Full PDB file with SEQRES, HELIX, SHEET, SSBOND, CRYST1, ORIGX, SCALE, CONECT and MASTER records, all heavy atoms in Angstrom:
SEQRES   1 A   42  GLY PHE ASP LEU GLY ASN SER PRO LEU GLU TYR THR ARG          
SEQRES   2 A   42  ALA VAL VAL GLU GLY ARG THR ILE CYS PHE THR THR THR          
SEQRES   3 A   42  ASN GLY THR ARG LEU ILE ARG ALA ALA GLU GLY ALA ARG          
SEQRES   4 A   42  ARG LEU PHE                                                  
HELIX    1 AA1 PRO A    8  GLU A   10  5                                   3    
HELIX    2 AA2 ARG A   13  VAL A   16  1                                   4    
HELIX    3 AA3 GLY A   28  ALA A   34  1                                   7    
CRYST1    1.000    1.000    1.000  90.00  90.00  90.00 P 1           1          
ORIGX1      1.000000  0.000000  0.000000        0.00000                         
ORIGX2      0.000000  1.000000  0.000000        0.00000                         
ORIGX3      0.000000  0.000000  1.000000        0.00000                         
SCALE1      1.000000  0.000000  0.000000        0.00000                         
SCALE2      0.000000  1.000000  0.000000        0.00000                         
SCALE3      0.000000  0.000000  1.000000        0.00000                         
ATOM      1  N   GLY A   1    -165.590-173.159 151.082  1.00  0.00           N  
ATOM      2  CA  GLY A   1    -165.515-173.514 152.564  1.00  0.00           C  
ATOM      3  C   GLY A   1    -164.162-174.000 152.964  1.00  0.00           C  
ATOM      4  O   GLY A   1    -164.081-174.142 154.246  1.00  0.00           O  
ATOM      5  N   PHE A   2    -163.196-174.136 152.170  1.00  0.00           N  
ATOM      6  CA  PHE A   2    -161.914-174.543 152.584  1.00  0.00           C  
ATOM      7  C   PHE A   2    -160.959-173.379 152.923  1.00  0.00           C  
ATOM      8  O   PHE A   2    -161.217-172.267 152.463  1.00  0.00           O  
ATOM      9  CB  PHE A   2    -161.156-175.405 151.462  1.00  0.00           C  
ATOM     10  CG  PHE A   2    -161.611-176.868 151.481  1.00  0.00           C  
ATOM     11  CD1 PHE A   2    -162.867-177.174 151.640  1.00  0.00           C  
ATOM     12  CD2 PHE A   2    -160.667-177.837 151.311  1.00  0.00           C  
ATOM     13  CE1 PHE A   2    -163.280-178.591 151.693  1.00  0.00           C  
ATOM     14  CE2 PHE A   2    -161.024-179.220 151.465  1.00  0.00           C  
ATOM     15  CZ  PHE A   2    -162.296-179.556 151.509  1.00  0.00           C  
ATOM     16  N   ASP A   3    -160.117-173.623 153.926  1.00  0.00           N  
ATOM     17  CA  ASP A   3    -159.161-172.563 154.296  1.00  0.00           C  
ATOM     18  C   ASP A   3    -158.131-172.223 153.256  1.00  0.00           C  
ATOM     19  O   ASP A   3    -157.704-171.001 153.176  1.00  0.00           O  
ATOM     20  CB  ASP A   3    -158.581-172.897 155.511  1.00  0.00           C  
ATOM     21  CG  ASP A   3    -159.618-173.277 156.630  1.00  0.00           C  
ATOM     22  OD1 ASP A   3    -160.206-172.422 157.200  1.00  0.00           O  
ATOM     23  OD2 ASP A   3    -159.616-174.581 157.060  1.00  0.00           O  
ATOM     24  N   LEU A   4    -157.685-173.248 152.583  1.00  0.00           N  
ATOM     25  CA  LEU A   4    -156.527-172.999 151.670  1.00  0.00           C  
ATOM     26  C   LEU A   4    -156.806-173.843 150.384  1.00  0.00           C  
ATOM     27  O   LEU A   4    -157.675-174.773 150.351  1.00  0.00           O  
ATOM     28  CB  LEU A   4    -155.226-173.604 152.216  1.00  0.00           C  
ATOM     29  CG  LEU A   4    -154.783-172.945 153.598  1.00  0.00           C  
ATOM     30  CD1 LEU A   4    -153.789-173.767 154.309  1.00  0.00           C  
ATOM     31  CD2 LEU A   4    -154.199-171.609 153.276  1.00  0.00           C  
ATOM     32  N   GLY A   5    -156.177-173.394 149.274  1.00  0.00           N  
ATOM     33  CA  GLY A   5    -156.144-174.179 148.025  1.00  0.00           C  
ATOM     34  C   GLY A   5    -155.143-175.203 147.941  1.00  0.00           C  
ATOM     35  O   GLY A   5    -154.714-175.849 148.876  1.00  0.00           O  
ATOM     36  N   ASN A   6    -154.588-175.154 146.697  1.00  0.00           N  
ATOM     37  CA  ASN A   6    -153.335-176.162 146.531  1.00  0.00           C  
ATOM     38  C   ASN A   6    -152.097-175.420 146.099  1.00  0.00           C  
ATOM     39  O   ASN A   6    -151.355-175.897 145.235  1.00  0.00           O  
ATOM     40  CB  ASN A   6    -153.777-177.220 145.443  1.00  0.00           C  
ATOM     41  CG  ASN A   6    -152.809-178.237 145.347  1.00  0.00           C  
ATOM     42  OD1 ASN A   6    -151.997-178.589 146.118  1.00  0.00           O  
ATOM     43  ND2 ASN A   6    -152.783-179.041 144.133  1.00  0.00           N  
ATOM     44  N   SER A   7    -151.955-174.138 146.460  1.00  0.00           N  
ATOM     45  CA  SER A   7    -150.802-173.380 146.100  1.00  0.00           C  
ATOM     46  C   SER A   7    -149.786-173.596 147.351  1.00  0.00           C  
ATOM     47  O   SER A   7    -150.143-173.226 148.373  1.00  0.00           O  
ATOM     48  CB  SER A   7    -151.143-171.952 145.895  1.00  0.00           C  
ATOM     49  OG  SER A   7    -149.865-171.158 145.864  1.00  0.00           O  
ATOM     50  N   PRO A   8    -148.595-174.024 147.041  1.00  0.00           N  
ATOM     51  CA  PRO A   8    -147.583-174.140 148.144  1.00  0.00           C  
ATOM     52  C   PRO A   8    -147.297-172.835 148.832  1.00  0.00           C  
ATOM     53  O   PRO A   8    -146.981-172.725 149.993  1.00  0.00           O  
ATOM     54  CB  PRO A   8    -146.417-174.782 147.462  1.00  0.00           C  
ATOM     55  CG  PRO A   8    -146.615-174.454 146.013  1.00  0.00           C  
ATOM     56  CD  PRO A   8    -148.000-174.451 145.712  1.00  0.00           C  
ATOM     57  N   LEU A   9    -147.474-171.716 148.013  1.00  0.00           N  
ATOM     58  CA  LEU A   9    -147.240-170.364 148.608  1.00  0.00           C  
ATOM     59  C   LEU A   9    -148.245-169.998 149.554  1.00  0.00           C  
ATOM     60  O   LEU A   9    -147.995-169.084 150.343  1.00  0.00           O  
ATOM     61  CB  LEU A   9    -147.123-169.377 147.346  1.00  0.00           C  
ATOM     62  CG  LEU A   9    -146.010-169.694 146.401  1.00  0.00           C  
ATOM     63  CD1 LEU A   9    -146.082-168.616 145.235  1.00  0.00           C  
ATOM     64  CD2 LEU A   9    -144.666-169.720 147.064  1.00  0.00           C  
ATOM     65  N   GLU A  10    -149.417-170.624 149.655  1.00  0.00           N  
ATOM     66  CA  GLU A  10    -150.376-170.335 150.600  1.00  0.00           C  
ATOM     67  C   GLU A  10    -150.015-170.824 152.030  1.00  0.00           C  
ATOM     68  O   GLU A  10    -150.414-170.337 153.144  1.00  0.00           O  
ATOM     69  CB  GLU A  10    -151.699-170.902 150.309  1.00  0.00           C  
ATOM     70  CG  GLU A  10    -152.339-170.234 149.090  1.00  0.00           C  
ATOM     71  CD  GLU A  10    -153.688-170.949 148.816  1.00  0.00           C  
ATOM     72  OE1 GLU A  10    -154.707-170.522 149.498  1.00  0.00           O  
ATOM     73  OE2 GLU A  10    -153.725-171.830 147.888  1.00  0.00           O  
ATOM     74  N   TYR A  11    -149.220-171.940 152.072  1.00  0.00           N  
ATOM     75  CA  TYR A  11    -148.964-172.746 153.175  1.00  0.00           C  
ATOM     76  C   TYR A  11    -147.620-172.117 154.019  1.00  0.00           C  
ATOM     77  O   TYR A  11    -146.776-172.678 154.182  1.00  0.00           O  
ATOM     78  CB  TYR A  11    -148.763-174.109 152.951  1.00  0.00           C  
ATOM     79  CG  TYR A  11    -150.028-174.780 152.393  1.00  0.00           C  
ATOM     80  CD1 TYR A  11    -150.624-174.487 151.163  1.00  0.00           C  
ATOM     81  CD2 TYR A  11    -150.670-175.811 153.178  1.00  0.00           C  
ATOM     82  CE1 TYR A  11    -151.855-175.026 150.864  1.00  0.00           C  
ATOM     83  CE2 TYR A  11    -151.895-176.359 152.831  1.00  0.00           C  
ATOM     84  CZ  TYR A  11    -152.410-176.026 151.564  1.00  0.00           C  
ATOM     85  OH  TYR A  11    -153.596-176.556 151.213  1.00  0.00           O  
ATOM     86  N   THR A  12    -147.754-170.910 154.399  1.00  0.00           N  
ATOM     87  CA  THR A  12    -146.745-170.177 155.119  1.00  0.00           C  
ATOM     88  C   THR A  12    -146.740-170.605 156.599  1.00  0.00           C  
ATOM     89  O   THR A  12    -147.729-171.097 157.157  1.00  0.00           O  
ATOM     90  CB  THR A  12    -146.957-168.684 155.019  1.00  0.00           C  
ATOM     91  OG1 THR A  12    -148.336-168.360 155.750  1.00  0.00           O  
ATOM     92  CG2 THR A  12    -147.051-168.183 153.567  1.00  0.00           C  
ATOM     93  N   ARG A  13    -145.649-170.307 157.198  1.00  0.00           N  
ATOM     94  CA  ARG A  13    -145.497-170.698 158.565  1.00  0.00           C  
ATOM     95  C   ARG A  13    -146.512-169.969 159.399  1.00  0.00           C  
ATOM     96  O   ARG A  13    -147.121-170.567 160.382  1.00  0.00           O  
ATOM     97  CB  ARG A  13    -144.145-170.302 159.087  1.00  0.00           C  
ATOM     98  CG  ARG A  13    -143.825-170.680 160.543  1.00  0.00           C  
ATOM     99  CD  ARG A  13    -142.344-170.661 160.891  1.00  0.00           C  
ATOM    100  NE  ARG A  13    -141.523-171.577 160.163  1.00  0.00           N  
ATOM    101  CZ  ARG A  13    -141.319-172.800 160.464  1.00  0.00           C  
ATOM    102  NH1 ARG A  13    -141.900-173.406 161.561  1.00  0.00           N  
ATOM    103  NH2 ARG A  13    -140.591-173.576 159.743  1.00  0.00           N  
ATOM    104  N   ALA A  14    -146.872-168.753 159.161  1.00  0.00           N  
ATOM    105  CA  ALA A  14    -147.856-167.997 159.926  1.00  0.00           C  
ATOM    106  C   ALA A  14    -149.215-168.671 159.766  1.00  0.00           C  
ATOM    107  O   ALA A  14    -149.988-168.611 160.815  1.00  0.00           O  
ATOM    108  CB  ALA A  14    -147.937-166.533 159.449  1.00  0.00           C  
ATOM    109  N   VAL A  15    -149.539-169.408 158.778  1.00  0.00           N  
ATOM    110  CA  VAL A  15    -150.844-170.006 158.590  1.00  0.00           C  
ATOM    111  C   VAL A  15    -150.820-171.428 159.090  1.00  0.00           C  
ATOM    112  O   VAL A  15    -151.878-171.859 159.704  1.00  0.00           O  
ATOM    113  CB  VAL A  15    -151.199-169.989 157.068  1.00  0.00           C  
ATOM    114  CG1 VAL A  15    -152.492-170.795 156.808  1.00  0.00           C  
ATOM    115  CG2 VAL A  15    -151.276-168.559 156.592  1.00  0.00           C  
ATOM    116  N   VAL A  16    -149.779-172.186 158.844  1.00  0.00           N  
ATOM    117  CA  VAL A  16    -149.883-173.665 159.080  1.00  0.00           C  
ATOM    118  C   VAL A  16    -149.183-174.203 160.294  1.00  0.00           C  
ATOM    119  O   VAL A  16    -149.316-175.310 160.590  1.00  0.00           O  
ATOM    120  CB  VAL A  16    -149.374-174.455 157.797  1.00  0.00           C  
ATOM    121  CG1 VAL A  16    -150.277-174.038 156.567  1.00  0.00           C  
ATOM    122  CG2 VAL A  16    -147.897-174.362 157.567  1.00  0.00           C  
ATOM    123  N   GLU A  17    -148.232-173.469 160.967  1.00  0.00           N  
ATOM    124  CA  GLU A  17    -147.534-174.022 161.994  1.00  0.00           C  
ATOM    125  C   GLU A  17    -148.369-174.601 163.087  1.00  0.00           C  
ATOM    126  O   GLU A  17    -149.260-173.967 163.618  1.00  0.00           O  
ATOM    127  CB  GLU A  17    -146.574-172.954 162.544  1.00  0.00           C  
ATOM    128  CG  GLU A  17    -145.525-173.391 163.589  1.00  0.00           C  
ATOM    129  CD  GLU A  17    -144.528-172.327 163.912  1.00  0.00           C  
ATOM    130  OE1 GLU A  17    -144.720-171.239 163.728  1.00  0.00           O  
ATOM    131  OE2 GLU A  17    -143.365-172.856 164.431  1.00  0.00           O  
ATOM    132  N   GLY A  18    -148.039-175.843 163.396  1.00  0.00           N  
ATOM    133  CA  GLY A  18    -148.683-176.530 164.472  1.00  0.00           C  
ATOM    134  C   GLY A  18    -150.090-177.084 164.086  1.00  0.00           C  
ATOM    135  O   GLY A  18    -150.779-177.685 164.953  1.00  0.00           O  
ATOM    136  N   ARG A  19    -150.466-177.005 162.818  1.00  0.00           N  
ATOM    137  CA  ARG A  19    -151.785-177.304 162.392  1.00  0.00           C  
ATOM    138  C   ARG A  19    -151.687-178.553 161.588  1.00  0.00           C  
ATOM    139  O   ARG A  19    -150.642-178.910 160.888  1.00  0.00           O  
ATOM    140  CB  ARG A  19    -152.499-176.263 161.604  1.00  0.00           C  
ATOM    141  CG  ARG A  19    -152.378-174.822 162.131  1.00  0.00           C  
ATOM    142  CD  ARG A  19    -153.212-174.652 163.392  1.00  0.00           C  
ATOM    143  NE  ARG A  19    -154.675-174.723 163.180  1.00  0.00           N  
ATOM    144  CZ  ARG A  19    -155.306-173.570 162.721  1.00  0.00           C  
ATOM    145  NH1 ARG A  19    -154.769-172.459 162.552  1.00  0.00           N  
ATOM    146  NH2 ARG A  19    -156.645-173.754 162.659  1.00  0.00           N  
ATOM    147  N   THR A  20    -152.767-179.425 161.491  1.00  0.00           N  
ATOM    148  CA  THR A  20    -152.916-180.481 160.605  1.00  0.00           C  
ATOM    149  C   THR A  20    -153.790-180.041 159.428  1.00  0.00           C  
ATOM    150  O   THR A  20    -154.761-179.398 159.614  1.00  0.00           O  
ATOM    151  CB  THR A  20    -153.528-181.669 161.369  1.00  0.00           C  
ATOM    152  OG1 THR A  20    -152.619-182.243 162.243  1.00  0.00           O  
ATOM    153  CG2 THR A  20    -153.871-182.863 160.329  1.00  0.00           C  
ATOM    154  N   ILE A  21    -153.343-180.333 158.226  1.00  0.00           N  
ATOM    155  CA  ILE A  21    -154.041-180.034 157.055  1.00  0.00           C  
ATOM    156  C   ILE A  21    -154.863-181.298 156.471  1.00  0.00           C  
ATOM    157  O   ILE A  21    -154.164-182.275 156.106  1.00  0.00           O  
ATOM    158  CB  ILE A  21    -153.163-179.570 155.931  1.00  0.00           C  
ATOM    159  CG1 ILE A  21    -152.059-178.515 156.435  1.00  0.00           C  
ATOM    160  CG2 ILE A  21    -153.965-178.839 154.860  1.00  0.00           C  
ATOM    161  CD1 ILE A  21    -152.553-177.337 157.155  1.00  0.00           C  
ATOM    162  N   CYS A  22    -156.118-181.219 156.462  1.00  0.00           N  
ATOM    163  CA  CYS A  22    -156.794-182.134 155.771  1.00  0.00           C  
ATOM    164  C   CYS A  22    -156.988-181.748 154.270  1.00  0.00           C  
ATOM    165  O   CYS A  22    -157.468-180.742 154.040  1.00  0.00           O  
ATOM    166  CB  CYS A  22    -158.319-182.436 156.411  1.00  0.00           C  
ATOM    167  SG  CYS A  22    -158.117-183.003 158.163  1.00  0.00           S  
ATOM    168  N   PHE A  23    -156.407-182.580 153.406  1.00  0.00           N  
ATOM    169  CA  PHE A  23    -156.035-182.041 152.091  1.00  0.00           C  
ATOM    170  C   PHE A  23    -156.501-182.921 151.013  1.00  0.00           C  
ATOM    171  O   PHE A  23    -156.344-184.137 151.052  1.00  0.00           O  
ATOM    172  CB  PHE A  23    -154.491-182.011 152.063  1.00  0.00           C  
ATOM    173  CG  PHE A  23    -153.868-181.424 150.924  1.00  0.00           C  
ATOM    174  CD1 PHE A  23    -154.007-180.147 150.536  1.00  0.00           C  
ATOM    175  CD2 PHE A  23    -152.955-182.298 150.239  1.00  0.00           C  
ATOM    176  CE1 PHE A  23    -153.295-179.691 149.397  1.00  0.00           C  
ATOM    177  CE2 PHE A  23    -152.277-181.758 149.120  1.00  0.00           C  
ATOM    178  CZ  PHE A  23    -152.403-180.448 148.700  1.00  0.00           C  
ATOM    179  N   THR A  24    -157.134-182.369 149.881  1.00  0.00           N  
ATOM    180  CA  THR A  24    -157.603-183.102 148.841  1.00  0.00           C  
ATOM    181  C   THR A  24    -157.385-182.440 147.529  1.00  0.00           C  
ATOM    182  O   THR A  24    -157.587-181.170 147.354  1.00  0.00           O  
ATOM    183  CB  THR A  24    -159.140-183.525 149.040  1.00  0.00           C  
ATOM    184  OG1 THR A  24    -159.519-184.348 147.928  1.00  0.00           O  
ATOM    185  CG2 THR A  24    -159.954-182.218 149.121  1.00  0.00           C  
ATOM    186  N   THR A  25    -156.966-183.248 146.475  1.00  0.00           N  
ATOM    187  CA  THR A  25    -156.618-182.573 145.320  1.00  0.00           C  
ATOM    188  C   THR A  25    -157.071-183.382 144.128  1.00  0.00           C  
ATOM    189  O   THR A  25    -157.416-184.682 144.348  1.00  0.00           O  
ATOM    190  CB  THR A  25    -155.156-182.318 144.947  1.00  0.00           C  
ATOM    191  OG1 THR A  25    -154.456-183.542 144.888  1.00  0.00           O  
ATOM    192  CG2 THR A  25    -154.595-181.582 146.117  1.00  0.00           C  
ATOM    193  N   THR A  26    -157.128-182.924 142.869  1.00  0.00           N  
ATOM    194  CA  THR A  26    -157.641-183.551 141.760  1.00  0.00           C  
ATOM    195  C   THR A  26    -156.913-184.870 141.422  1.00  0.00           C  
ATOM    196  O   THR A  26    -157.510-186.066 141.209  1.00  0.00           O  
ATOM    197  CB  THR A  26    -157.678-182.809 140.545  1.00  0.00           C  
ATOM    198  OG1 THR A  26    -158.397-181.514 140.793  1.00  0.00           O  
ATOM    199  CG2 THR A  26    -158.344-183.387 139.378  1.00  0.00           C  
ATOM    200  N   ASN A  27    -155.624-184.869 141.477  1.00  0.00           N  
ATOM    201  CA  ASN A  27    -154.808-185.992 141.171  1.00  0.00           C  
ATOM    202  C   ASN A  27    -153.904-186.598 142.258  1.00  0.00           C  
ATOM    203  O   ASN A  27    -153.739-187.693 142.484  1.00  0.00           O  
ATOM    204  CB  ASN A  27    -153.891-185.601 139.879  1.00  0.00           C  
ATOM    205  CG  ASN A  27    -154.783-185.255 138.683  1.00  0.00           C  
ATOM    206  OD1 ASN A  27    -155.429-186.067 138.082  1.00  0.00           O  
ATOM    207  ND2 ASN A  27    -154.663-184.074 138.250  1.00  0.00           N  
ATOM    208  N   GLY A  28    -153.166-185.647 142.875  1.00  0.00           N  
ATOM    209  CA  GLY A  28    -152.158-186.132 143.866  1.00  0.00           C  
ATOM    210  C   GLY A  28    -152.570-186.837 144.965  1.00  0.00           C  
ATOM    211  O   GLY A  28    -151.986-187.919 145.346  1.00  0.00           O  
ATOM    212  N   THR A  29    -153.722-186.463 145.654  1.00  0.00           N  
ATOM    213  CA  THR A  29    -154.181-187.286 146.844  1.00  0.00           C  
ATOM    214  C   THR A  29    -154.696-188.592 146.362  1.00  0.00           C  
ATOM    215  O   THR A  29    -154.551-189.615 147.196  1.00  0.00           O  
ATOM    216  CB  THR A  29    -155.067-186.508 147.697  1.00  0.00           C  
ATOM    217  OG1 THR A  29    -156.213-186.046 146.844  1.00  0.00           O  
ATOM    218  CG2 THR A  29    -154.391-185.236 148.311  1.00  0.00           C  
ATOM    219  N   ARG A  30    -155.174-188.719 145.196  1.00  0.00           N  
ATOM    220  CA  ARG A  30    -155.656-190.013 144.691  1.00  0.00           C  
ATOM    221  C   ARG A  30    -154.463-190.944 144.561  1.00  0.00           C  
ATOM    222  O   ARG A  30    -154.630-192.092 144.885  1.00  0.00           O  
ATOM    223  CB  ARG A  30    -156.402-189.881 143.335  1.00  0.00           C  
ATOM    224  CG  ARG A  30    -156.844-191.112 142.719  1.00  0.00           C  
ATOM    225  CD  ARG A  30    -157.715-190.876 141.520  1.00  0.00           C  
ATOM    226  NE  ARG A  30    -157.897-192.107 140.729  1.00  0.00           N  
ATOM    227  CZ  ARG A  30    -157.295-192.301 139.569  1.00  0.00           C  
ATOM    228  NH1 ARG A  30    -156.368-191.410 139.123  1.00  0.00           N  
ATOM    229  NH2 ARG A  30    -157.391-193.380 138.973  1.00  0.00           N  
ATOM    230  N   LEU A  31    -153.316-190.515 143.991  1.00  0.00           N  
ATOM    231  CA  LEU A  31    -152.268-191.342 143.848  1.00  0.00           C  
ATOM    232  C   LEU A  31    -151.674-191.798 145.293  1.00  0.00           C  
ATOM    233  O   LEU A  31    -151.347-192.873 145.443  1.00  0.00           O  
ATOM    234  CB  LEU A  31    -151.042-190.518 143.247  1.00  0.00           C  
ATOM    235  CG  LEU A  31    -149.617-191.105 143.270  1.00  0.00           C  
ATOM    236  CD1 LEU A  31    -149.600-192.296 142.410  1.00  0.00           C  
ATOM    237  CD2 LEU A  31    -148.548-190.098 142.912  1.00  0.00           C  
ATOM    238  N   ILE A  32    -151.558-190.772 146.310  1.00  0.00           N  
ATOM    239  CA  ILE A  32    -151.174-191.177 147.614  1.00  0.00           C  
ATOM    240  C   ILE A  32    -151.972-192.150 148.197  1.00  0.00           C  
ATOM    241  O   ILE A  32    -151.428-193.177 148.693  1.00  0.00           O  
ATOM    242  CB  ILE A  32    -151.073-189.862 148.322  1.00  0.00           C  
ATOM    243  CG1 ILE A  32    -150.079-188.799 147.868  1.00  0.00           C  
ATOM    244  CG2 ILE A  32    -150.852-190.174 149.861  1.00  0.00           C  
ATOM    245  CD1 ILE A  32    -150.271-187.457 148.366  1.00  0.00           C  
ATOM    246  N   ARG A  33    -153.262-192.128 148.093  1.00  0.00           N  
ATOM    247  CA  ARG A  33    -154.099-193.027 148.780  1.00  0.00           C  
ATOM    248  C   ARG A  33    -153.974-194.380 148.057  1.00  0.00           C  
ATOM    249  O   ARG A  33    -154.094-195.560 148.686  1.00  0.00           O  
ATOM    250  CB  ARG A  33    -155.510-192.570 148.732  1.00  0.00           C  
ATOM    251  CG  ARG A  33    -155.788-191.413 149.769  1.00  0.00           C  
ATOM    252  CD  ARG A  33    -155.571-191.745 151.203  1.00  0.00           C  
ATOM    253  NE  ARG A  33    -156.689-192.737 151.518  1.00  0.00           N  
ATOM    254  CZ  ARG A  33    -157.831-192.293 151.977  1.00  0.00           C  
ATOM    255  NH1 ARG A  33    -158.138-190.941 152.134  1.00  0.00           N  
ATOM    256  NH2 ARG A  33    -158.863-193.168 152.255  1.00  0.00           N  
ATOM    257  N   ALA A  34    -153.832-194.407 146.814  1.00  0.00           N  
ATOM    258  CA  ALA A  34    -153.463-195.726 145.975  1.00  0.00           C  
ATOM    259  C   ALA A  34    -152.117-196.298 146.500  1.00  0.00           C  
ATOM    260  O   ALA A  34    -152.064-197.576 146.371  1.00  0.00           O  
ATOM    261  CB  ALA A  34    -153.435-195.467 144.507  1.00  0.00           C  
ATOM    262  N   ALA A  35    -151.231-195.553 146.904  1.00  0.00           N  
ATOM    263  CA  ALA A  35    -149.947-196.107 147.266  1.00  0.00           C  
ATOM    264  C   ALA A  35    -149.772-196.269 148.883  1.00  0.00           C  
ATOM    265  O   ALA A  35    -148.781-196.626 149.273  1.00  0.00           O  
ATOM    266  CB  ALA A  35    -148.855-195.091 146.808  1.00  0.00           C  
ATOM    267  N   GLU A  36    -150.782-196.084 149.453  1.00  0.00           N  
ATOM    268  CA  GLU A  36    -150.676-196.104 151.060  1.00  0.00           C  
ATOM    269  C   GLU A  36    -150.313-197.424 151.617  1.00  0.00           C  
ATOM    270  O   GLU A  36    -149.878-197.504 152.799  1.00  0.00           O  
ATOM    271  CB  GLU A  36    -151.980-195.449 151.655  1.00  0.00           C  
ATOM    272  CG  GLU A  36    -153.134-196.272 151.577  1.00  0.00           C  
ATOM    273  CD  GLU A  36    -154.366-195.527 152.191  1.00  0.00           C  
ATOM    274  OE1 GLU A  36    -154.241-194.521 152.772  1.00  0.00           O  
ATOM    275  OE2 GLU A  36    -155.421-196.151 151.987  1.00  0.00           O  
ATOM    276  N   GLY A  37    -150.505-198.489 150.937  1.00  0.00           N  
ATOM    277  CA  GLY A  37    -150.121-199.777 151.393  1.00  0.00           C  
ATOM    278  C   GLY A  37    -148.615-200.067 151.195  1.00  0.00           C  
ATOM    279  O   GLY A  37    -148.108-201.151 151.567  1.00  0.00           O  
ATOM    280  N   ALA A  38    -147.816-199.129 150.646  1.00  0.00           N  
ATOM    281  CA  ALA A  38    -146.364-199.412 150.392  1.00  0.00           C  
ATOM    282  C   ALA A  38    -145.767-199.519 151.792  1.00  0.00           C  
ATOM    283  O   ALA A  38    -146.183-198.939 152.808  1.00  0.00           O  
ATOM    284  CB  ALA A  38    -145.827-198.237 149.668  1.00  0.00           C  
ATOM    285  N   ARG A  39    -144.579-200.279 151.843  1.00  0.00           N  
ATOM    286  CA  ARG A  39    -143.849-200.358 153.088  1.00  0.00           C  
ATOM    287  C   ARG A  39    -143.411-199.110 153.595  1.00  0.00           C  
ATOM    288  O   ARG A  39    -143.382-198.837 154.794  1.00  0.00           O  
ATOM    289  CB  ARG A  39    -142.756-201.376 152.843  1.00  0.00           C  
ATOM    290  CG  ARG A  39    -141.960-201.594 154.076  1.00  0.00           C  
ATOM    291  CD  ARG A  39    -140.912-202.831 153.849  1.00  0.00           C  
ATOM    292  NE  ARG A  39    -140.093-202.687 152.697  1.00  0.00           N  
ATOM    293  CZ  ARG A  39    -139.024-201.803 152.725  1.00  0.00           C  
ATOM    294  NH1 ARG A  39    -138.644-201.058 153.702  1.00  0.00           N  
ATOM    295  NH2 ARG A  39    -138.303-201.659 151.630  1.00  0.00           N  
ATOM    296  N   ARG A  40    -142.987-198.207 152.744  1.00  0.00           N  
ATOM    297  CA  ARG A  40    -142.588-196.894 153.117  1.00  0.00           C  
ATOM    298  C   ARG A  40    -143.096-195.975 151.895  1.00  0.00           C  
ATOM    299  O   ARG A  40    -142.927-196.302 150.748  1.00  0.00           O  
ATOM    300  CB  ARG A  40    -141.037-196.692 153.184  1.00  0.00           C  
ATOM    301  CG  ARG A  40    -140.514-197.538 154.241  1.00  0.00           C  
ATOM    302  CD  ARG A  40    -138.954-197.159 154.526  1.00  0.00           C  
ATOM    303  NE  ARG A  40    -138.847-195.991 155.300  1.00  0.00           N  
ATOM    304  CZ  ARG A  40    -137.736-195.280 155.519  1.00  0.00           C  
ATOM    305  NH1 ARG A  40    -136.691-195.691 154.777  1.00  0.00           N  
ATOM    306  NH2 ARG A  40    -137.585-194.270 156.202  1.00  0.00           N  
ATOM    307  N   LEU A  41    -143.586-194.758 152.258  1.00  0.00           N  
ATOM    308  CA  LEU A  41    -144.222-193.828 151.339  1.00  0.00           C  
ATOM    309  C   LEU A  41    -143.759-192.416 151.727  1.00  0.00           C  
ATOM    310  O   LEU A  41    -143.941-191.926 152.843  1.00  0.00           O  
ATOM    311  CB  LEU A  41    -145.765-193.944 151.349  1.00  0.00           C  
ATOM    312  CG  LEU A  41    -146.540-192.978 150.418  1.00  0.00           C  
ATOM    313  CD1 LEU A  41    -146.192-193.190 149.025  1.00  0.00           C  
ATOM    314  CD2 LEU A  41    -148.026-193.277 150.568  1.00  0.00           C  
ATOM    315  N   PHE A  42    -143.203-191.795 150.701  1.00  0.00           N  
ATOM    316  CA  PHE A  42    -142.714-190.404 150.772  1.00  0.00           C  
ATOM    317  C   PHE A  42    -143.395-189.519 149.842  1.00  0.00           C  
ATOM    318  O   PHE A  42    -143.878-190.016 148.762  1.00  0.00           O  
ATOM    319  CB  PHE A  42    -141.125-190.348 150.655  1.00  0.00           C  
ATOM    320  CG  PHE A  42    -140.480-191.433 151.251  1.00  0.00           C  
ATOM    321  CD1 PHE A  42    -139.704-192.333 150.614  1.00  0.00           C  
ATOM    322  CD2 PHE A  42    -140.314-191.388 152.740  1.00  0.00           C  
ATOM    323  CE1 PHE A  42    -138.911-193.253 151.142  1.00  0.00           C  
ATOM    324  CE2 PHE A  42    -139.574-192.309 153.392  1.00  0.00           C  
ATOM    325  CZ  PHE A  42    -138.834-193.376 152.662  1.00  0.00           C  
TER     326      PHE A  42                                                      
MASTER        0    0    0    3    0    0    0    6  325    1    0    4          
END                                                                             
């Protein structure tokens, strides 16, 4: 039911320009949410 997977090559300009991506992955998004209290997060 998702529009895209987790391949960076899927996220082309024609597909994503101007859009917000609600994004979830096995490991990476868990790390990001654990770190979201940092003063700055990149």
